[in-house]
Amino acid sequence: MCGKKAGCSCGGEIGGGRLCGVASGPQQDQTLAAREIERVRALPGIVGIILRPNPTLDWTPMNDPGSDPIWRAPFDAGLPIGFHPSPA
């Protein structure tokens, strides 16, 4: 994750203001991931959340109701979700 001190927040010196940070949380613990998203939403330069599409909650798919906290937190924070692709 990036912040102003790392020089990678939006508008920072490195990258001419084009480098922004995305946050990632521990998907194996949905509640902890949601708390991490809530924590980072106010950090400078964080513009989104990145998730892995592989199942991590007892091998259930991402649309399982148990994953609701990890969907709700970015929505409440106003942050878009991006997926990191993985080979099939």
N, C-alpha and C. Protein backbone atom coordinates (compact mmCIF):
# COMPACT_ATOMS: atom_id res chain seq x y z
N MET A 1 0.84 -1.16 0.00
CA MET A 1 0.00 0.00 0.00
C MET A 1 0.89 1.23 0.00
N CYS A 2 0.43 2.27 -0.63
CA CYS A 2 1.22 3.49 -0.76
C CYS A 2 0.62 4.61 0.07
N GLY A 3 1.46 5.47 0.51
CA GLY A 3 1.04 6.67 1.22
C GLY A 3 1.95 7.81 0.82
N LYS A 4 1.69 8.98 1.30
CA LYS A 4 2.48 10.15 0.90
C LYS A 4 3.96 9.98 1.23
N LYS A 5 4.27 9.39 2.37
CA LYS A 5 5.67 9.24 2.76
C LYS A 5 6.42 8.34 1.78
N ALA A 6 5.72 7.41 1.15
CA ALA A 6 6.37 6.53 0.18
C ALA A 6 6.52 7.23 -1.17
N GLY A 7 5.97 8.42 -1.31
CA GLY A 7 6.11 9.17 -2.55
C GLY A 7 5.23 8.65 -3.68
N CYS A 8 4.19 7.90 -3.36
CA CYS A 8 3.39 7.34 -4.44
C CYS A 8 1.92 7.70 -4.31
N SER A 9 1.61 8.73 -3.56
CA SER A 9 0.22 9.14 -3.51
C SER A 9 -0.10 10.01 -4.71
N CYS A 10 -1.36 10.08 -5.05
CA CYS A 10 -1.76 10.90 -6.18
C CYS A 10 -1.28 12.33 -5.94
N GLY A 11 -0.66 12.86 -6.93
CA GLY A 11 -0.15 14.22 -6.80
C GLY A 11 1.24 14.30 -6.19
N GLY A 12 1.84 13.14 -5.90
CA GLY A 12 3.18 13.12 -5.32
C GLY A 12 4.24 13.46 -6.36
N GLU A 13 5.46 13.59 -5.90
CA GLU A 13 6.56 13.96 -6.78
C GLU A 13 6.91 12.83 -7.75
N ILE A 14 6.91 11.60 -7.28
CA ILE A 14 7.27 10.47 -8.13
C ILE A 14 6.11 10.17 -9.09
N GLY A 15 6.39 10.04 -10.35
CA GLY A 15 5.35 9.70 -11.32
C GLY A 15 4.55 10.88 -11.80
N GLY A 16 4.96 12.06 -11.45
CA GLY A 16 4.27 13.25 -11.93
C GLY A 16 2.81 13.33 -11.50
N GLY A 17 2.50 12.77 -10.33
CA GLY A 17 1.12 12.82 -9.82
C GLY A 17 0.22 11.77 -10.42
N ARG A 18 0.78 10.83 -11.19
CA ARG A 18 -0.04 9.81 -11.83
C ARG A 18 -0.08 8.50 -11.06
N LEU A 19 0.76 8.33 -10.06
CA LEU A 19 0.79 7.08 -9.32
C LEU A 19 -0.11 7.17 -8.09
N CYS A 20 -1.05 6.26 -8.01
CA CYS A 20 -1.98 6.22 -6.89
C CYS A 20 -1.95 4.83 -6.28
N GLY A 21 -2.34 4.71 -5.04
CA GLY A 21 -2.29 3.43 -4.36
C GLY A 21 -3.61 2.70 -4.35
N VAL A 22 -3.52 1.38 -4.34
CA VAL A 22 -4.67 0.53 -4.08
C VAL A 22 -4.33 -0.34 -2.88
N ALA A 23 -5.33 -0.68 -2.11
CA ALA A 23 -5.12 -1.46 -0.90
C ALA A 23 -5.61 -2.88 -1.10
N SER A 24 -5.02 -3.78 -0.35
CA SER A 24 -5.42 -5.17 -0.37
C SER A 24 -5.53 -5.64 1.07
N GLY A 25 -6.52 -6.46 1.33
CA GLY A 25 -6.71 -6.94 2.70
C GLY A 25 -6.58 -8.45 2.76
N PRO A 26 -6.57 -9.01 3.96
CA PRO A 26 -6.45 -10.46 4.14
C PRO A 26 -7.77 -11.16 3.84
N GLN A 27 -7.93 -11.64 2.64
CA GLN A 27 -9.21 -12.20 2.21
C GLN A 27 -9.60 -13.48 2.95
N GLN A 28 -8.65 -14.13 3.61
CA GLN A 28 -9.00 -15.33 4.35
C GLN A 28 -9.77 -15.01 5.63
N ASP A 29 -9.79 -13.73 6.01
CA ASP A 29 -10.55 -13.27 7.16
C ASP A 29 -11.37 -12.06 6.70
N GLN A 30 -12.61 -12.29 6.35
CA GLN A 30 -13.45 -11.25 5.76
C GLN A 30 -13.66 -10.05 6.67
N THR A 31 -13.83 -10.30 7.96
CA THR A 31 -14.03 -9.20 8.91
C THR A 31 -12.78 -8.34 9.03
N LEU A 32 -11.62 -9.00 9.11
CA LEU A 32 -10.36 -8.27 9.18
C LEU A 32 -10.10 -7.50 7.89
N ALA A 33 -10.43 -8.09 6.76
CA ALA A 33 -10.26 -7.39 5.48
C ALA A 33 -11.14 -6.15 5.43
N ALA A 34 -12.37 -6.27 5.90
CA ALA A 34 -13.28 -5.12 5.92
C ALA A 34 -12.73 -4.01 6.81
N ARG A 35 -12.18 -4.38 7.96
CA ARG A 35 -11.59 -3.38 8.86
C ARG A 35 -10.39 -2.69 8.23
N GLU A 36 -9.59 -3.47 7.49
CA GLU A 36 -8.42 -2.89 6.82
C GLU A 36 -8.87 -1.90 5.75
N ILE A 37 -9.91 -2.23 5.02
CA ILE A 37 -10.44 -1.31 4.00
C ILE A 37 -10.94 -0.03 4.65
N GLU A 38 -11.64 -0.16 5.77
CA GLU A 38 -12.11 1.01 6.50
C GLU A 38 -10.94 1.87 6.98
N ARG A 39 -9.85 1.21 7.39
CA ARG A 39 -8.68 1.93 7.90
C ARG A 39 -7.98 2.71 6.79
N VAL A 40 -7.80 2.09 5.63
CA VAL A 40 -7.00 2.72 4.57
C VAL A 40 -7.77 3.73 3.74
N ARG A 41 -9.07 3.74 3.84
CA ARG A 41 -9.85 4.63 2.97
C ARG A 41 -9.51 6.10 3.15
N ALA A 42 -9.04 6.47 4.32
CA ALA A 42 -8.70 7.88 4.57
C ALA A 42 -7.24 8.20 4.27
N LEU A 43 -6.44 7.19 3.92
CA LEU A 43 -5.03 7.46 3.63
C LEU A 43 -4.89 8.21 2.32
N PRO A 44 -3.95 9.13 2.26
CA PRO A 44 -3.76 9.89 1.02
C PRO A 44 -3.32 8.97 -0.12
N GLY A 45 -3.94 9.15 -1.25
CA GLY A 45 -3.53 8.44 -2.45
C GLY A 45 -4.18 7.09 -2.66
N ILE A 46 -4.96 6.58 -1.71
CA ILE A 46 -5.64 5.30 -1.90
C ILE A 46 -6.89 5.55 -2.73
N VAL A 47 -6.92 4.93 -3.90
CA VAL A 47 -8.03 5.18 -4.83
C VAL A 47 -8.85 3.93 -5.13
N GLY A 48 -8.51 2.80 -4.54
CA GLY A 48 -9.26 1.58 -4.81
C GLY A 48 -8.78 0.41 -3.97
N ILE A 49 -9.45 -0.71 -4.17
CA ILE A 49 -9.16 -1.96 -3.47
C ILE A 49 -8.85 -3.01 -4.52
N ILE A 50 -7.85 -3.83 -4.27
CA ILE A 50 -7.52 -4.93 -5.18
C ILE A 50 -7.82 -6.25 -4.46
N LEU A 51 -8.51 -7.14 -5.16
CA LEU A 51 -8.84 -8.45 -4.61
C LEU A 51 -8.33 -9.54 -5.54
N ARG A 52 -8.05 -10.68 -4.98
CA ARG A 52 -7.71 -11.86 -5.77
C ARG A 52 -9.02 -12.61 -6.03
N PRO A 53 -9.23 -13.10 -7.24
CA PRO A 53 -10.49 -13.78 -7.54
C PRO A 53 -10.57 -15.20 -7.01
N ASN A 54 -9.45 -15.74 -6.51
CA ASN A 54 -9.50 -17.11 -6.02
C ASN A 54 -10.24 -17.17 -4.68
N PRO A 55 -10.97 -18.25 -4.45
CA PRO A 55 -11.72 -18.37 -3.20
C PRO A 55 -10.78 -18.54 -2.01
N THR A 56 -11.04 -17.83 -0.94
CA THR A 56 -10.19 -17.91 0.24
C THR A 56 -10.99 -18.21 1.49
N LEU A 57 -12.29 -18.10 1.44
CA LEU A 57 -13.15 -18.35 2.60
C LEU A 57 -13.69 -19.78 2.49
N ASP A 58 -12.94 -20.72 3.01
CA ASP A 58 -13.32 -22.14 2.94
C ASP A 58 -13.63 -22.58 1.52
N TRP A 59 -12.92 -22.01 0.55
CA TRP A 59 -13.04 -22.36 -0.87
C TRP A 59 -14.45 -22.10 -1.43
N THR A 60 -15.14 -21.13 -0.86
CA THR A 60 -16.43 -20.72 -1.42
C THR A 60 -16.20 -19.62 -2.45
N PRO A 61 -17.08 -19.49 -3.43
CA PRO A 61 -16.90 -18.44 -4.44
C PRO A 61 -17.09 -17.04 -3.83
N MET A 62 -16.58 -16.04 -4.53
CA MET A 62 -16.65 -14.66 -4.03
C MET A 62 -18.08 -14.14 -3.88
N ASN A 63 -19.05 -14.78 -4.53
CA ASN A 63 -20.44 -14.32 -4.39
C ASN A 63 -21.16 -15.02 -3.24
N ASP A 64 -20.45 -15.80 -2.44
CA ASP A 64 -21.03 -16.43 -1.25
C ASP A 64 -21.38 -15.35 -0.23
N PRO A 65 -22.52 -15.49 0.46
CA PRO A 65 -22.90 -14.48 1.46
C PRO A 65 -21.83 -14.23 2.53
N GLY A 66 -20.98 -15.22 2.79
CA GLY A 66 -19.91 -15.03 3.77
C GLY A 66 -18.91 -13.97 3.35
N SER A 67 -18.89 -13.65 2.06
CA SER A 67 -17.97 -12.62 1.55
C SER A 67 -18.59 -11.23 1.57
N ASP A 68 -19.79 -11.10 2.08
CA ASP A 68 -20.46 -9.80 2.10
C ASP A 68 -19.63 -8.69 2.74
N PRO A 69 -18.91 -8.94 3.86
CA PRO A 69 -18.12 -7.84 4.45
C PRO A 69 -17.08 -7.26 3.50
N ILE A 70 -16.48 -8.11 2.68
CA ILE A 70 -15.43 -7.62 1.79
C ILE A 70 -16.02 -6.87 0.59
N TRP A 71 -17.28 -7.07 0.31
CA TRP A 71 -17.97 -6.29 -0.73
C TRP A 71 -18.55 -5.00 -0.14
N ARG A 72 -19.06 -5.07 1.07
CA ARG A 72 -19.72 -3.92 1.70
C ARG A 72 -18.72 -2.81 2.03
N ALA A 73 -17.55 -3.18 2.55
CA ALA A 73 -16.57 -2.17 2.99
C ALA A 73 -16.13 -1.23 1.87
N PRO A 74 -15.72 -1.72 0.70
CA PRO A 74 -15.34 -0.79 -0.37
C PRO A 74 -16.53 0.06 -0.85
N PHE A 75 -17.71 -0.56 -0.88
CA PHE A 75 -18.91 0.19 -1.28
C PHE A 75 -19.14 1.35 -0.32
N ASP A 76 -19.10 1.06 0.98
CA ASP A 76 -19.31 2.11 1.98
C ASP A 76 -18.21 3.17 1.93
N ALA A 77 -16.99 2.76 1.56
CA ALA A 77 -15.86 3.69 1.49
C ALA A 77 -15.83 4.47 0.18
N GLY A 78 -16.67 4.08 -0.77
CA GLY A 78 -16.67 4.75 -2.07
C GLY A 78 -15.45 4.41 -2.91
N LEU A 79 -14.87 3.22 -2.68
CA LEU A 79 -13.68 2.81 -3.41
C LEU A 79 -14.03 1.71 -4.41
N PRO A 80 -13.56 1.81 -5.64
CA PRO A 80 -13.80 0.75 -6.62
C PRO A 80 -12.96 -0.48 -6.30
N ILE A 81 -13.42 -1.63 -6.77
CA ILE A 81 -12.72 -2.90 -6.57
C ILE A 81 -12.12 -3.33 -7.91
N GLY A 82 -10.87 -3.69 -7.87
CA GLY A 82 -10.20 -4.27 -9.03
C GLY A 82 -9.80 -5.69 -8.69
N PHE A 83 -9.74 -6.55 -9.69
CA PHE A 83 -9.34 -7.93 -9.46
C PHE A 83 -7.98 -8.19 -10.08
N HIS A 84 -7.14 -8.87 -9.34
CA HIS A 84 -5.85 -9.31 -9.85
C HIS A 84 -6.09 -10.67 -10.50
N PRO A 85 -5.85 -10.79 -11.78
CA PRO A 85 -6.13 -12.07 -12.46
C PRO A 85 -5.16 -13.15 -12.01
N SER A 86 -5.65 -14.37 -12.09
CA SER A 86 -4.79 -15.51 -11.79
C SER A 86 -5.02 -16.57 -12.85
N PRO A 87 -4.01 -17.36 -13.12
CA PRO A 87 -4.20 -18.40 -14.14
C PRO A 87 -5.23 -19.41 -13.72
N ALA A 88 -5.95 -19.94 -14.69
CA ALA A 88 -7.00 -20.91 -14.39
C ALA A 88 -6.42 -22.29 -14.20
